Amino acid sequence: MYHHTGHKTAAGVLDHAAPDAETLVYQRCAWCGTAMYHRLLCPVCQGSDLRTERSEGIGTVRHSTVLHRNTPAARNVSLIEMAEGFVVRGRVMGPPVGIHSGDRVRLSTAKDPVRGEPVFQLVDEPYRPWT
């Protein structure tokens, strides 16, 4: 489809109605049903018929690392597997060393004003054995 200014856009990728800061949107392939985050083509079947859907905002930390560069304080960068089946890179609020794989998180802000990535918060305090 063509936008009125003449720029070619993929269906479902660019929405004219901007989502609010509390909503995370993703794409789902109409052919195979694969969920993905910010893609132009489906990574499974290479289909271009992608539907935009809203995420519930609940996920699980799959990997978290602590970065010390380009920032005055340490911060974490995490890969979050969302309940809908796609993976997104974002930041989890809290002490960077206290975030572990398997922790459940909830979306706090869909777009961090500084880095432009989603920000999550822990759903509940994870059980940690006594040391």
N, C-alpha and C. Protein backbone atom coordinates (compact mmCIF):
# COMPACT_ATOMS: atom_id res chain seq x y z
N MET A 1 0.84 -1.17 0.00
CA MET A 1 0.00 0.00 0.00
C MET A 1 0.88 1.23 0.00
N TYR A 2 0.36 2.31 -0.48
CA TYR A 2 1.11 3.56 -0.56
C TYR A 2 0.49 4.59 0.36
N HIS A 3 1.37 5.30 1.03
CA HIS A 3 0.94 6.39 1.90
C HIS A 3 0.68 7.60 1.02
N HIS A 4 -0.12 8.54 1.50
CA HIS A 4 -0.49 9.69 0.69
C HIS A 4 0.71 10.56 0.30
N THR A 5 1.83 10.44 0.99
CA THR A 5 3.01 11.24 0.63
C THR A 5 3.87 10.53 -0.41
N GLY A 6 3.49 9.31 -0.76
CA GLY A 6 4.25 8.60 -1.77
C GLY A 6 5.23 7.60 -1.22
N HIS A 7 5.41 7.54 0.08
CA HIS A 7 6.33 6.56 0.68
C HIS A 7 5.64 5.21 0.75
N LYS A 8 6.35 4.17 0.38
CA LYS A 8 5.80 2.81 0.43
C LYS A 8 5.94 2.29 1.85
N THR A 9 4.86 1.74 2.41
CA THR A 9 4.89 1.19 3.77
C THR A 9 4.35 -0.22 3.76
N ALA A 10 4.85 -1.05 4.66
CA ALA A 10 4.35 -2.41 4.80
C ALA A 10 3.11 -2.39 5.68
N ALA A 11 2.14 -3.20 5.34
CA ALA A 11 0.88 -3.24 6.09
C ALA A 11 1.13 -3.72 7.51
N GLY A 12 0.60 -3.00 8.48
CA GLY A 12 0.69 -3.40 9.87
C GLY A 12 1.96 -2.97 10.57
N VAL A 13 2.94 -2.44 9.84
CA VAL A 13 4.20 -2.06 10.46
C VAL A 13 4.15 -0.64 10.98
N LEU A 14 3.65 0.27 10.17
CA LEU A 14 3.57 1.67 10.58
C LEU A 14 2.12 2.02 10.86
N ASP A 15 1.82 2.30 12.12
CA ASP A 15 0.47 2.70 12.49
C ASP A 15 0.42 4.21 12.59
N HIS A 16 -0.63 4.79 12.06
CA HIS A 16 -0.77 6.23 12.14
C HIS A 16 -1.22 6.66 13.53
N ALA A 17 -1.94 5.81 14.23
CA ALA A 17 -2.34 6.10 15.61
C ALA A 17 -1.23 5.63 16.52
N ALA A 18 -0.51 6.55 17.12
CA ALA A 18 0.62 6.19 17.98
C ALA A 18 0.11 5.54 19.26
N PRO A 19 0.66 4.37 19.65
CA PRO A 19 0.24 3.74 20.89
C PRO A 19 0.70 4.56 22.08
N ASP A 20 -0.03 4.43 23.17
CA ASP A 20 0.36 5.17 24.37
C ASP A 20 1.60 4.54 24.99
N ALA A 21 2.17 5.21 25.99
CA ALA A 21 3.43 4.78 26.59
C ALA A 21 3.29 3.52 27.41
N GLU A 22 2.08 3.09 27.68
CA GLU A 22 1.86 1.90 28.50
C GLU A 22 1.56 0.67 27.66
N THR A 23 1.59 0.77 26.35
CA THR A 23 1.23 -0.34 25.48
C THR A 23 2.41 -0.74 24.61
N LEU A 24 2.65 -2.04 24.53
CA LEU A 24 3.70 -2.59 23.68
C LEU A 24 3.02 -3.27 22.51
N VAL A 25 3.37 -2.88 21.29
CA VAL A 25 2.75 -3.50 20.11
C VAL A 25 3.78 -4.40 19.43
N TYR A 26 3.28 -5.45 18.80
CA TYR A 26 4.12 -6.42 18.10
C TYR A 26 3.37 -6.87 16.86
N GLN A 27 4.03 -7.66 16.03
CA GLN A 27 3.40 -8.18 14.82
C GLN A 27 3.18 -9.69 14.95
N ARG A 28 2.12 -10.16 14.27
CA ARG A 28 1.86 -11.59 14.16
C ARG A 28 1.64 -11.90 12.69
N CYS A 29 2.33 -12.93 12.21
CA CYS A 29 2.23 -13.32 10.81
C CYS A 29 0.84 -13.94 10.55
N ALA A 30 0.19 -13.47 9.49
CA ALA A 30 -1.13 -13.99 9.14
C ALA A 30 -1.05 -15.40 8.56
N TRP A 31 0.12 -15.79 8.02
CA TRP A 31 0.27 -17.10 7.41
C TRP A 31 0.59 -18.19 8.41
N CYS A 32 1.61 -17.98 9.24
CA CYS A 32 2.05 -19.06 10.13
C CYS A 32 1.77 -18.77 11.61
N GLY A 33 1.36 -17.56 11.95
CA GLY A 33 1.01 -17.23 13.33
C GLY A 33 2.18 -16.88 14.24
N THR A 34 3.37 -16.72 13.68
CA THR A 34 4.55 -16.39 14.48
C THR A 34 4.46 -14.95 14.99
N ALA A 35 4.75 -14.77 16.28
CA ALA A 35 4.78 -13.43 16.86
C ALA A 35 6.21 -12.90 16.81
N MET A 36 6.37 -11.60 16.50
CA MET A 36 7.69 -10.99 16.40
C MET A 36 7.61 -9.53 16.78
N TYR A 37 8.76 -8.95 17.08
CA TYR A 37 8.83 -7.56 17.50
C TYR A 37 9.60 -6.74 16.48
N HIS A 38 8.95 -5.78 15.85
CA HIS A 38 9.55 -4.84 14.89
C HIS A 38 10.29 -5.54 13.75
N ARG A 39 9.56 -6.23 12.93
CA ARG A 39 10.12 -6.89 11.75
C ARG A 39 9.36 -6.45 10.52
N LEU A 40 9.98 -6.57 9.36
CA LEU A 40 9.30 -6.29 8.10
C LEU A 40 8.79 -7.57 7.45
N LEU A 41 9.51 -8.69 7.71
CA LEU A 41 9.12 -9.99 7.19
C LEU A 41 9.12 -11.01 8.33
N CYS A 42 8.28 -12.02 8.20
CA CYS A 42 8.24 -13.09 9.19
C CYS A 42 9.55 -13.87 9.15
N PRO A 43 10.21 -14.11 10.30
CA PRO A 43 11.47 -14.84 10.29
C PRO A 43 11.30 -16.34 10.00
N VAL A 44 10.07 -16.85 10.06
CA VAL A 44 9.83 -18.28 9.84
C VAL A 44 9.48 -18.56 8.38
N CYS A 45 8.45 -17.87 7.86
CA CYS A 45 7.98 -18.16 6.51
C CYS A 45 8.27 -17.06 5.50
N GLN A 46 8.90 -15.96 5.95
CA GLN A 46 9.22 -14.80 5.10
C GLN A 46 7.99 -14.10 4.55
N GLY A 47 6.84 -14.31 5.19
CA GLY A 47 5.61 -13.65 4.77
C GLY A 47 5.64 -12.17 5.14
N SER A 48 4.93 -11.36 4.37
CA SER A 48 4.88 -9.93 4.63
C SER A 48 3.52 -9.48 5.15
N ASP A 49 2.58 -10.39 5.30
CA ASP A 49 1.25 -10.05 5.81
C ASP A 49 1.28 -10.12 7.34
N LEU A 50 1.72 -9.02 7.97
CA LEU A 50 1.90 -8.96 9.41
C LEU A 50 0.80 -8.09 10.03
N ARG A 51 0.15 -8.61 11.04
CA ARG A 51 -0.91 -7.90 11.76
C ARG A 51 -0.34 -7.31 13.04
N THR A 52 -0.67 -6.06 13.33
CA THR A 52 -0.22 -5.42 14.56
C THR A 52 -1.18 -5.77 15.68
N GLU A 53 -0.62 -6.22 16.82
CA GLU A 53 -1.42 -6.57 17.99
C GLU A 53 -0.82 -5.92 19.22
N ARG A 54 -1.62 -5.81 20.27
CA ARG A 54 -1.16 -5.23 21.53
C ARG A 54 -0.80 -6.34 22.51
N SER A 55 0.34 -6.18 23.16
CA SER A 55 0.80 -7.15 24.15
C SER A 55 0.14 -6.88 25.49
N GLU A 56 -0.03 -7.94 26.28
CA GLU A 56 -0.55 -7.78 27.64
C GLU A 56 0.51 -7.19 28.56
N GLY A 57 1.77 -7.28 28.18
CA GLY A 57 2.84 -6.67 28.95
C GLY A 57 3.45 -7.56 30.02
N ILE A 58 3.14 -8.85 30.02
CA ILE A 58 3.69 -9.79 31.00
C ILE A 58 4.73 -10.67 30.30
N GLY A 59 5.89 -10.87 30.96
CA GLY A 59 6.93 -11.68 30.35
C GLY A 59 7.86 -12.30 31.37
N THR A 60 8.88 -12.97 30.88
CA THR A 60 9.87 -13.65 31.70
C THR A 60 11.26 -13.26 31.22
N VAL A 61 12.15 -12.97 32.15
CA VAL A 61 13.53 -12.64 31.81
C VAL A 61 14.22 -13.90 31.31
N ARG A 62 14.77 -13.87 30.10
CA ARG A 62 15.52 -14.99 29.55
C ARG A 62 17.01 -14.80 29.73
N HIS A 63 17.47 -13.55 29.69
CA HIS A 63 18.89 -13.26 29.87
C HIS A 63 19.02 -11.82 30.34
N SER A 64 19.93 -11.58 31.25
CA SER A 64 20.17 -10.22 31.74
C SER A 64 21.66 -10.02 31.92
N THR A 65 22.13 -8.86 31.54
CA THR A 65 23.54 -8.54 31.70
C THR A 65 23.66 -7.11 32.23
N VAL A 66 24.75 -6.82 32.91
CA VAL A 66 25.00 -5.51 33.49
C VAL A 66 26.01 -4.77 32.62
N LEU A 67 25.66 -3.54 32.22
CA LEU A 67 26.54 -2.71 31.41
C LEU A 67 27.05 -1.54 32.23
N HIS A 68 28.31 -1.19 32.01
CA HIS A 68 28.92 -0.07 32.72
C HIS A 68 29.38 1.03 31.77
N ARG A 69 29.20 0.86 30.47
CA ARG A 69 29.70 1.84 29.51
C ARG A 69 28.62 2.86 29.14
N ASN A 70 29.06 4.06 28.78
CA ASN A 70 28.20 5.15 28.33
C ASN A 70 27.10 5.51 29.31
N THR A 71 27.35 5.31 30.57
CA THR A 71 26.35 5.64 31.58
C THR A 71 27.07 5.93 32.89
N PRO A 72 26.55 6.86 33.70
CA PRO A 72 27.22 7.17 34.97
C PRO A 72 27.09 6.04 35.99
N ALA A 73 26.06 5.22 35.88
CA ALA A 73 25.87 4.11 36.81
C ALA A 73 25.63 2.83 36.01
N ALA A 74 25.83 1.70 36.66
CA ALA A 74 25.59 0.42 36.00
C ALA A 74 24.10 0.28 35.69
N ARG A 75 23.79 -0.34 34.56
CA ARG A 75 22.40 -0.59 34.19
C ARG A 75 22.31 -1.98 33.58
N ASN A 76 21.12 -2.53 33.57
CA ASN A 76 20.97 -3.86 32.99
C ASN A 76 20.33 -3.77 31.61
N VAL A 77 20.63 -4.74 30.80
CA VAL A 77 19.98 -4.94 29.51
C VAL A 77 19.51 -6.38 29.53
N SER A 78 18.21 -6.57 29.30
CA SER A 78 17.64 -7.91 29.42
C SER A 78 16.90 -8.29 28.15
N LEU A 79 16.86 -9.59 27.89
CA LEU A 79 16.00 -10.15 26.85
C LEU A 79 14.77 -10.71 27.56
N ILE A 80 13.61 -10.20 27.19
CA ILE A 80 12.36 -10.58 27.83
C ILE A 80 11.52 -11.38 26.84
N GLU A 81 11.13 -12.59 27.23
CA GLU A 81 10.21 -13.38 26.42
C GLU A 81 8.80 -13.06 26.89
N MET A 82 8.02 -12.47 26.01
CA MET A 82 6.67 -12.05 26.35
C MET A 82 5.70 -13.23 26.28
N ALA A 83 4.58 -13.12 26.96
CA ALA A 83 3.60 -14.20 27.02
C ALA A 83 3.05 -14.54 25.62
N GLU A 84 3.07 -13.59 24.71
CA GLU A 84 2.55 -13.83 23.36
C GLU A 84 3.53 -14.61 22.48
N GLY A 85 4.78 -14.77 22.92
CA GLY A 85 5.73 -15.60 22.20
C GLY A 85 6.86 -14.86 21.50
N PHE A 86 6.95 -13.56 21.61
CA PHE A 86 8.06 -12.84 20.99
C PHE A 86 9.05 -12.40 22.05
N VAL A 87 10.26 -12.07 21.63
CA VAL A 87 11.33 -11.65 22.53
C VAL A 87 11.65 -10.19 22.25
N VAL A 88 11.82 -9.40 23.31
CA VAL A 88 12.13 -7.99 23.18
C VAL A 88 13.30 -7.64 24.09
N ARG A 89 14.14 -6.73 23.63
CA ARG A 89 15.25 -6.24 24.45
C ARG A 89 14.75 -5.04 25.23
N GLY A 90 15.05 -5.02 26.53
CA GLY A 90 14.61 -3.90 27.35
C GLY A 90 15.39 -3.83 28.65
N ARG A 91 14.92 -2.97 29.54
CA ARG A 91 15.58 -2.76 30.83
C ARG A 91 14.59 -3.12 31.93
N VAL A 92 15.07 -3.78 32.97
CA VAL A 92 14.25 -4.12 34.13
C VAL A 92 14.67 -3.21 35.27
N MET A 93 13.69 -2.53 35.88
CA MET A 93 13.98 -1.63 36.98
C MET A 93 14.41 -2.43 38.21
N GLY A 94 15.33 -1.88 38.96
CA GLY A 94 15.82 -2.54 40.16
C GLY A 94 17.33 -2.63 40.11
N PRO A 95 17.92 -3.19 41.16
CA PRO A 95 19.39 -3.33 41.16
C PRO A 95 19.81 -4.30 40.06
N PRO A 96 20.77 -3.91 39.22
CA PRO A 96 21.17 -4.75 38.09
C PRO A 96 21.60 -6.16 38.48
N VAL A 97 22.23 -6.32 39.65
CA VAL A 97 22.68 -7.66 40.04
C VAL A 97 21.54 -8.49 40.61
N GLY A 98 20.38 -7.91 40.85
CA GLY A 98 19.25 -8.63 41.43
C GLY A 98 18.28 -9.18 40.41
N ILE A 99 18.59 -9.07 39.13
CA ILE A 99 17.70 -9.54 38.06
C ILE A 99 18.30 -10.80 37.46
N HIS A 100 17.51 -11.86 37.44
CA HIS A 100 18.00 -13.17 37.01
C HIS A 100 17.07 -13.79 35.98
N SER A 101 17.60 -14.74 35.24
CA SER A 101 16.78 -15.49 34.28
C SER A 101 15.65 -16.20 35.03
N GLY A 102 14.47 -16.14 34.45
CA GLY A 102 13.30 -16.78 35.05
C GLY A 102 12.44 -15.84 35.87
N ASP A 103 12.92 -14.64 36.16
CA ASP A 103 12.11 -13.67 36.90
C ASP A 103 10.95 -13.20 36.02
N ARG A 104 9.77 -13.08 36.62
CA ARG A 104 8.59 -12.59 35.90
C ARG A 104 8.57 -11.07 35.97
N VAL A 105 8.23 -10.43 34.84
CA VAL A 105 8.22 -8.97 34.77
C VAL A 105 6.92 -8.48 34.13
N ARG A 106 6.63 -7.20 34.37
CA ARG A 106 5.47 -6.54 33.80
C ARG A 106 5.94 -5.25 33.15
N LEU A 107 5.35 -4.87 32.02
CA LEU A 107 5.72 -3.65 31.32
C LEU A 107 5.39 -2.44 32.18
N SER A 108 6.36 -1.56 32.32
CA SER A 108 6.17 -0.31 33.05
C SER A 108 5.97 0.84 32.07
N THR A 109 6.86 0.95 31.09
CA THR A 109 6.79 1.97 30.06
C THR A 109 7.22 1.35 28.74
N ALA A 110 6.45 1.56 27.69
CA ALA A 110 6.76 0.95 26.41
C ALA A 110 7.96 1.60 25.73
N LYS A 111 8.27 2.86 26.09
CA LYS A 111 9.40 3.53 25.45
C LYS A 111 10.10 4.43 26.45
N ASP A 112 11.31 4.02 26.82
CA ASP A 112 12.14 4.82 27.70
C ASP A 112 12.50 6.12 26.98
N PRO A 113 12.33 7.29 27.61
CA PRO A 113 12.61 8.54 26.91
C PRO A 113 14.07 8.72 26.51
N VAL A 114 15.00 8.09 27.21
CA VAL A 114 16.42 8.25 26.90
C VAL A 114 16.87 7.26 25.83
N ARG A 115 16.61 5.98 26.02
CA ARG A 115 17.12 4.95 25.12
C ARG A 115 16.08 4.44 24.13
N GLY A 116 14.80 4.72 24.34
CA GLY A 116 13.76 4.30 23.42
C GLY A 116 13.41 2.82 23.48
N GLU A 117 13.79 2.14 24.55
CA GLU A 117 13.49 0.71 24.69
C GLU A 117 12.47 0.51 25.81
N PRO A 118 11.75 -0.62 25.80
CA PRO A 118 10.77 -0.87 26.85
C PRO A 118 11.41 -1.01 28.22
N VAL A 119 10.68 -0.60 29.25
CA VAL A 119 11.14 -0.71 30.63
C VAL A 119 10.16 -1.60 31.38
N PHE A 120 10.69 -2.56 32.13
CA PHE A 120 9.87 -3.53 32.86
C PHE A 120 10.15 -3.41 34.35
N GLN A 121 9.23 -3.96 35.16
CA GLN A 121 9.44 -4.06 36.60
C GLN A 121 9.14 -5.49 37.02
N LEU A 122 9.77 -5.93 38.10
CA LEU A 122 9.55 -7.29 38.59
C LEU A 122 8.13 -7.43 39.08
N VAL A 123 7.49 -8.56 38.76
CA VAL A 123 6.12 -8.81 39.20
C VAL A 123 6.09 -9.13 40.68
N ASP A 124 6.98 -10.00 41.11
CA ASP A 124 7.06 -10.35 42.53
C ASP A 124 8.52 -10.63 42.87
N GLU A 125 8.82 -10.57 44.13
CA GLU A 125 10.18 -10.86 44.56
C GLU A 125 10.47 -12.33 44.33
N PRO A 126 11.50 -12.65 43.57
CA PRO A 126 11.80 -14.06 43.32
C PRO A 126 12.31 -14.74 44.58
N TYR A 127 12.04 -16.02 44.67
CA TYR A 127 12.52 -16.81 45.79
C TYR A 127 14.01 -17.07 45.62
N ARG A 128 14.79 -16.71 46.57
CA ARG A 128 16.24 -16.96 46.56
C ARG A 128 16.60 -17.76 47.80
N PRO A 129 17.31 -18.85 47.65
CA PRO A 129 17.69 -19.63 48.83
C PRO A 129 18.66 -18.86 49.72
N TRP A 130 18.65 -19.20 50.97
CA TRP A 130 19.55 -18.55 51.94
C TRP A 130 20.98 -18.92 51.62
N THR A 131 21.88 -17.98 51.82
CA THR A 131 23.29 -18.28 51.56
C THR A 131 24.08 -18.25 52.83
